[in-house]
Amino acid sequence: MGFYINPPDMSKEDWLDKHGDKSFKIDTPEGRDAVEAVCRSSYGGLTGRIPPEYYPVCWVNNGSFTAAVVAYSRHEYEYFLSGFLNGTDRRPHRWYIVPRAALLELMPELEGVLL
């Protein structure tokens, strides 16, 4: 399930800092209220704030490694958001929005998935 960002020439964090929209980067749990305010209303509500050529990416610190997953659909978005909002997922999260073009350049397999 999901498409994970793994750039060959830099860390996930560096790639996201380079390509992600810095005005949207939200850390959790420090930014829990901000995440809820922006995201609670589901992917449809989130896209009201995100330009249509951008997609949410959720970065998660798993302790021994990090992951960054593309929320390419409403289902994926709600899946990765739900554990945080309902309190079952206490790992640190950071949300970014990333241009479709940057995601496709890194991950051509997303062609046809990112609409």
N, C-alpha and C. Protein backbone atom coordinates (compact mmCIF):
# COMPACT_ATOMS: atom_id res chain seq x y z
N MET A 1 0.84 -1.18 0.00
CA MET A 1 0.00 0.00 0.00
C MET A 1 0.88 1.24 0.00
N GLY A 2 0.65 2.14 -0.91
CA GLY A 2 1.32 3.42 -0.90
C GLY A 2 2.54 3.48 -1.80
N PHE A 3 2.94 4.70 -2.08
CA PHE A 3 4.14 5.01 -2.85
C PHE A 3 5.06 5.81 -1.95
N TYR A 4 6.25 5.28 -1.71
CA TYR A 4 7.19 5.88 -0.78
C TYR A 4 8.31 6.60 -1.51
N ILE A 5 8.67 7.77 -1.02
CA ILE A 5 9.73 8.58 -1.60
C ILE A 5 11.07 8.06 -1.11
N ASN A 6 11.94 7.70 -2.04
CA ASN A 6 13.30 7.25 -1.73
C ASN A 6 14.25 7.79 -2.79
N PRO A 7 14.65 9.06 -2.69
CA PRO A 7 15.53 9.63 -3.71
C PRO A 7 16.90 8.96 -3.71
N PRO A 8 17.49 8.76 -4.89
CA PRO A 8 18.78 8.06 -4.97
C PRO A 8 19.98 8.91 -4.58
N ASP A 9 19.84 10.23 -4.60
CA ASP A 9 21.00 11.10 -4.44
C ASP A 9 20.96 12.01 -3.22
N MET A 10 19.94 11.87 -2.36
CA MET A 10 19.84 12.67 -1.14
C MET A 10 18.85 12.00 -0.20
N SER A 11 18.81 12.49 1.02
CA SER A 11 17.86 11.92 1.99
C SER A 11 16.43 12.35 1.64
N LYS A 12 15.47 11.62 2.17
CA LYS A 12 14.06 11.98 2.00
C LYS A 12 13.82 13.39 2.53
N GLU A 13 14.41 13.66 3.68
CA GLU A 13 14.21 14.96 4.32
C GLU A 13 14.74 16.10 3.45
N ASP A 14 15.93 15.90 2.87
CA ASP A 14 16.50 16.93 1.99
C ASP A 14 15.64 17.10 0.75
N TRP A 15 15.16 15.99 0.18
CA TRP A 15 14.32 16.06 -1.01
C TRP A 15 13.02 16.81 -0.72
N LEU A 16 12.40 16.48 0.41
CA LEU A 16 11.15 17.15 0.77
C LEU A 16 11.38 18.63 1.06
N ASP A 17 12.48 18.96 1.71
CA ASP A 17 12.79 20.37 1.96
C ASP A 17 13.03 21.12 0.65
N LYS A 18 13.61 20.44 -0.31
CA LYS A 18 13.89 21.07 -1.61
C LYS A 18 12.62 21.23 -2.45
N HIS A 19 11.76 20.22 -2.47
CA HIS A 19 10.61 20.22 -3.37
C HIS A 19 9.27 20.56 -2.70
N GLY A 20 9.17 20.40 -1.40
CA GLY A 20 7.91 20.66 -0.73
C GLY A 20 7.63 22.15 -0.58
N ASP A 21 6.37 22.51 -0.56
CA ASP A 21 5.96 23.89 -0.35
C ASP A 21 6.17 24.22 1.12
N LYS A 22 7.10 25.09 1.40
CA LYS A 22 7.47 25.40 2.78
C LYS A 22 6.37 26.11 3.56
N SER A 23 5.43 26.72 2.87
CA SER A 23 4.34 27.40 3.57
C SER A 23 3.36 26.41 4.18
N PHE A 24 3.46 25.14 3.79
CA PHE A 24 2.51 24.15 4.27
C PHE A 24 3.12 23.14 5.24
N LYS A 25 4.44 23.08 5.36
CA LYS A 25 5.07 22.06 6.20
C LYS A 25 4.55 22.15 7.62
N ILE A 26 3.98 21.06 8.12
CA ILE A 26 3.41 21.03 9.47
C ILE A 26 3.99 19.85 10.23
N ASP A 27 4.58 20.13 11.38
CA ASP A 27 5.08 19.07 12.25
C ASP A 27 4.00 18.63 13.22
N THR A 28 4.07 17.38 13.62
CA THR A 28 3.17 16.88 14.64
C THR A 28 4.02 16.14 15.67
N PRO A 29 3.65 16.03 16.91
CA PRO A 29 2.41 16.53 17.49
C PRO A 29 2.42 18.03 17.79
N GLU A 30 3.56 18.70 17.63
CA GLU A 30 3.61 20.12 17.93
C GLU A 30 2.53 20.89 17.15
N GLY A 31 2.28 20.50 15.92
CA GLY A 31 1.31 21.19 15.08
C GLY A 31 -0.02 20.48 15.00
N ARG A 32 -0.35 19.72 16.02
CA ARG A 32 -1.59 18.92 15.97
C ARG A 32 -2.81 19.77 15.65
N ASP A 33 -2.95 20.92 16.30
CA ASP A 33 -4.11 21.77 16.04
C ASP A 33 -4.13 22.24 14.59
N ALA A 34 -2.95 22.59 14.07
CA ALA A 34 -2.88 23.04 12.68
C ALA A 34 -3.23 21.90 11.73
N VAL A 35 -2.73 20.71 12.01
CA VAL A 35 -3.04 19.56 11.16
C VAL A 35 -4.54 19.30 11.18
N GLU A 36 -5.12 19.30 12.36
CA GLU A 36 -6.56 19.05 12.45
C GLU A 36 -7.35 20.13 11.73
N ALA A 37 -6.96 21.38 11.89
CA ALA A 37 -7.69 22.47 11.27
C ALA A 37 -7.65 22.36 9.75
N VAL A 38 -6.50 21.98 9.21
CA VAL A 38 -6.35 21.91 7.76
C VAL A 38 -6.89 20.60 7.21
N CYS A 39 -6.70 19.51 7.94
CA CYS A 39 -6.90 18.18 7.38
C CYS A 39 -8.16 17.46 7.83
N ARG A 40 -8.73 17.80 8.93
CA ARG A 40 -9.83 17.03 9.52
C ARG A 40 -10.98 16.82 8.53
N SER A 41 -11.20 17.80 7.67
CA SER A 41 -12.37 17.73 6.79
C SER A 41 -12.17 16.80 5.60
N SER A 42 -11.12 16.01 5.60
CA SER A 42 -10.83 15.00 4.58
C SER A 42 -10.05 15.58 3.41
N TYR A 43 -9.66 14.72 2.53
CA TYR A 43 -8.83 15.08 1.38
C TYR A 43 -9.49 16.17 0.55
N GLY A 44 -10.79 16.10 0.39
CA GLY A 44 -11.50 17.14 -0.36
C GLY A 44 -11.33 18.50 0.27
N GLY A 45 -11.43 18.58 1.60
CA GLY A 45 -11.23 19.84 2.29
C GLY A 45 -9.80 20.32 2.20
N LEU A 46 -8.87 19.39 2.27
CA LEU A 46 -7.46 19.74 2.17
C LEU A 46 -7.13 20.30 0.80
N THR A 47 -7.71 19.72 -0.24
CA THR A 47 -7.38 20.20 -1.58
C THR A 47 -7.95 21.59 -1.82
N GLY A 48 -8.88 22.03 -1.00
CA GLY A 48 -9.34 23.41 -1.12
C GLY A 48 -8.22 24.39 -0.83
N ARG A 49 -7.26 23.99 -0.02
CA ARG A 49 -6.13 24.84 0.32
C ARG A 49 -4.91 24.54 -0.54
N ILE A 50 -4.83 23.34 -1.07
CA ILE A 50 -3.68 22.92 -1.86
C ILE A 50 -3.99 23.12 -3.33
N PRO A 51 -3.07 23.75 -4.07
CA PRO A 51 -3.27 23.88 -5.51
C PRO A 51 -3.42 22.49 -6.14
N PRO A 52 -4.21 22.36 -7.20
CA PRO A 52 -4.50 21.04 -7.77
C PRO A 52 -3.27 20.30 -8.30
N GLU A 53 -2.19 20.99 -8.60
CA GLU A 53 -0.99 20.32 -9.12
C GLU A 53 -0.06 19.84 -8.00
N TYR A 54 -0.51 19.91 -6.75
CA TYR A 54 0.27 19.46 -5.59
C TYR A 54 -0.40 18.26 -4.93
N TYR A 55 0.41 17.45 -4.24
CA TYR A 55 -0.11 16.30 -3.49
C TYR A 55 0.46 16.29 -2.08
N PRO A 56 -0.33 15.87 -1.09
CA PRO A 56 0.19 15.75 0.27
C PRO A 56 1.18 14.58 0.37
N VAL A 57 2.22 14.80 1.15
CA VAL A 57 3.19 13.76 1.46
C VAL A 57 3.34 13.73 2.98
N CYS A 58 3.24 12.54 3.55
CA CYS A 58 3.37 12.38 4.99
C CYS A 58 4.72 11.75 5.31
N TRP A 59 5.55 12.48 6.04
CA TRP A 59 6.84 11.98 6.53
C TRP A 59 6.61 11.47 7.94
N VAL A 60 7.16 10.31 8.25
CA VAL A 60 6.98 9.69 9.56
C VAL A 60 8.33 9.23 10.09
N ASN A 61 8.60 9.52 11.35
CA ASN A 61 9.81 9.04 12.01
C ASN A 61 9.47 7.74 12.73
N ASN A 62 10.04 6.64 12.24
CA ASN A 62 9.78 5.33 12.82
C ASN A 62 10.80 4.93 13.87
N GLY A 63 11.65 5.86 14.28
CA GLY A 63 12.69 5.55 15.25
C GLY A 63 13.99 5.21 14.56
N SER A 64 14.11 4.01 14.05
CA SER A 64 15.35 3.59 13.39
C SER A 64 15.43 4.00 11.93
N PHE A 65 14.31 4.43 11.36
CA PHE A 65 14.30 4.91 9.97
C PHE A 65 13.11 5.84 9.79
N THR A 66 13.13 6.61 8.70
CA THR A 66 12.01 7.48 8.38
C THR A 66 11.36 6.99 7.08
N ALA A 67 10.14 7.42 6.88
CA ALA A 67 9.41 7.09 5.65
C ALA A 67 8.67 8.34 5.19
N ALA A 68 8.47 8.43 3.89
CA ALA A 68 7.69 9.53 3.32
C ALA A 68 6.78 8.94 2.26
N VAL A 69 5.49 9.03 2.50
CA VAL A 69 4.51 8.39 1.62
C VAL A 69 3.65 9.45 0.93
N VAL A 70 3.39 9.21 -0.34
CA VAL A 70 2.56 10.11 -1.14
C VAL A 70 1.09 9.77 -0.90
N ALA A 71 0.32 10.76 -0.47
CA ALA A 71 -1.13 10.56 -0.31
C ALA A 71 -1.78 10.88 -1.65
N TYR A 72 -1.76 9.90 -2.54
CA TYR A 72 -2.16 10.11 -3.94
C TYR A 72 -3.68 10.06 -4.14
N SER A 73 -4.41 9.66 -3.13
CA SER A 73 -5.87 9.59 -3.23
C SER A 73 -6.47 9.95 -1.88
N ARG A 74 -7.75 10.18 -1.89
CA ARG A 74 -8.45 10.48 -0.64
C ARG A 74 -8.30 9.32 0.34
N HIS A 75 -8.41 8.10 -0.16
CA HIS A 75 -8.28 6.91 0.70
C HIS A 75 -6.89 6.87 1.35
N GLU A 76 -5.85 7.05 0.57
CA GLU A 76 -4.49 7.03 1.12
C GLU A 76 -4.30 8.15 2.14
N TYR A 77 -4.79 9.31 1.81
CA TYR A 77 -4.67 10.46 2.70
C TYR A 77 -5.35 10.18 4.04
N GLU A 78 -6.58 9.71 3.99
CA GLU A 78 -7.32 9.44 5.22
C GLU A 78 -6.68 8.31 6.02
N TYR A 79 -6.13 7.32 5.33
CA TYR A 79 -5.47 6.22 6.01
C TYR A 79 -4.28 6.72 6.83
N PHE A 80 -3.43 7.54 6.22
CA PHE A 80 -2.24 8.01 6.92
C PHE A 80 -2.55 9.08 7.95
N LEU A 81 -3.64 9.79 7.79
CA LEU A 81 -4.03 10.81 8.75
C LEU A 81 -4.78 10.22 9.93
N SER A 82 -5.54 9.16 9.73
CA SER A 82 -6.45 8.66 10.76
C SER A 82 -5.74 8.21 12.03
N GLY A 83 -4.64 7.51 11.91
CA GLY A 83 -3.94 7.04 13.10
C GLY A 83 -3.44 8.18 13.96
N PHE A 84 -3.00 9.24 13.30
CA PHE A 84 -2.55 10.41 14.04
C PHE A 84 -3.73 11.08 14.75
N LEU A 85 -4.81 11.30 14.03
CA LEU A 85 -5.93 12.04 14.61
C LEU A 85 -6.65 11.25 15.69
N ASN A 86 -6.73 9.92 15.55
CA ASN A 86 -7.45 9.15 16.58
C ASN A 86 -6.55 8.73 17.73
N GLY A 87 -5.27 9.11 17.67
CA GLY A 87 -4.36 8.86 18.79
C GLY A 87 -3.69 7.50 18.80
N THR A 88 -3.93 6.66 17.81
CA THR A 88 -3.31 5.34 17.80
C THR A 88 -1.89 5.36 17.24
N ASP A 89 -1.54 6.40 16.53
CA ASP A 89 -0.20 6.52 15.94
C ASP A 89 0.51 7.71 16.56
N ARG A 90 1.42 7.44 17.49
CA ARG A 90 2.11 8.50 18.25
C ARG A 90 3.45 8.89 17.64
N ARG A 91 3.81 8.30 16.50
CA ARG A 91 5.09 8.64 15.88
C ARG A 91 5.06 10.09 15.40
N PRO A 92 6.23 10.76 15.40
CA PRO A 92 6.28 12.11 14.84
C PRO A 92 5.97 12.09 13.35
N HIS A 93 5.10 12.99 12.92
CA HIS A 93 4.71 13.13 11.52
C HIS A 93 5.05 14.54 11.06
N ARG A 94 5.25 14.68 9.78
CA ARG A 94 5.40 16.00 9.16
C ARG A 94 4.70 15.92 7.82
N TRP A 95 3.81 16.87 7.57
CA TRP A 95 3.07 16.91 6.32
C TRP A 95 3.66 17.96 5.40
N TYR A 96 3.78 17.61 4.15
CA TYR A 96 4.25 18.51 3.10
C TYR A 96 3.22 18.49 1.97
N ILE A 97 3.29 19.49 1.11
CA ILE A 97 2.65 19.36 -0.20
C ILE A 97 3.77 19.50 -1.23
N VAL A 98 3.70 18.66 -2.25
CA VAL A 98 4.79 18.55 -3.23
C VAL A 98 4.18 18.63 -4.63
N PRO A 99 4.82 19.38 -5.53
CA PRO A 99 4.29 19.47 -6.89
C PRO A 99 4.27 18.11 -7.59
N ARG A 100 3.22 17.91 -8.34
CA ARG A 100 3.06 16.68 -9.13
C ARG A 100 4.29 16.43 -10.00
N ALA A 101 4.79 17.49 -10.65
CA ALA A 101 5.95 17.34 -11.55
C ALA A 101 7.17 16.79 -10.82
N ALA A 102 7.42 17.25 -9.60
CA ALA A 102 8.58 16.76 -8.83
C ALA A 102 8.39 15.30 -8.45
N LEU A 103 7.17 14.92 -8.07
CA LEU A 103 6.89 13.53 -7.73
C LEU A 103 7.08 12.62 -8.94
N LEU A 104 6.59 13.06 -10.10
CA LEU A 104 6.72 12.24 -11.31
C LEU A 104 8.16 12.13 -11.77
N GLU A 105 8.94 13.18 -11.57
CA GLU A 105 10.36 13.12 -11.95
C GLU A 105 11.09 12.07 -11.10
N LEU A 106 10.78 12.03 -9.83
CA LEU A 106 11.41 11.06 -8.93
C LEU A 106 10.82 9.67 -9.09
N MET A 107 9.51 9.61 -9.32
CA MET A 107 8.79 8.33 -9.32
C MET A 107 7.90 8.24 -10.56
N PRO A 108 8.46 7.92 -11.72
CA PRO A 108 7.66 7.85 -12.96
C PRO A 108 6.50 6.87 -12.86
N GLU A 109 6.60 5.91 -11.97
CA GLU A 109 5.52 4.92 -11.82
C GLU A 109 4.22 5.56 -11.32
N LEU A 110 4.27 6.81 -10.87
CA LEU A 110 3.07 7.51 -10.44
C LEU A 110 2.25 8.07 -11.60
N GLU A 111 2.82 8.04 -12.80
CA GLU A 111 2.06 8.49 -13.98
C GLU A 111 0.80 7.65 -14.09
N GLY A 112 -0.32 8.30 -14.22
CA GLY A 112 -1.60 7.59 -14.26
C GLY A 112 -2.22 7.40 -12.90
N VAL A 113 -1.43 7.53 -11.84
CA VAL A 113 -1.94 7.44 -10.47
C VAL A 113 -2.26 8.84 -9.97
N LEU A 114 -1.34 9.78 -10.22
CA LEU A 114 -1.56 11.18 -9.85
C LEU A 114 -2.38 11.81 -10.95
N LEU A 115 -3.61 12.08 -10.67
CA LEU A 115 -4.51 12.63 -11.69
C LEU A 115 -4.55 14.13 -11.66
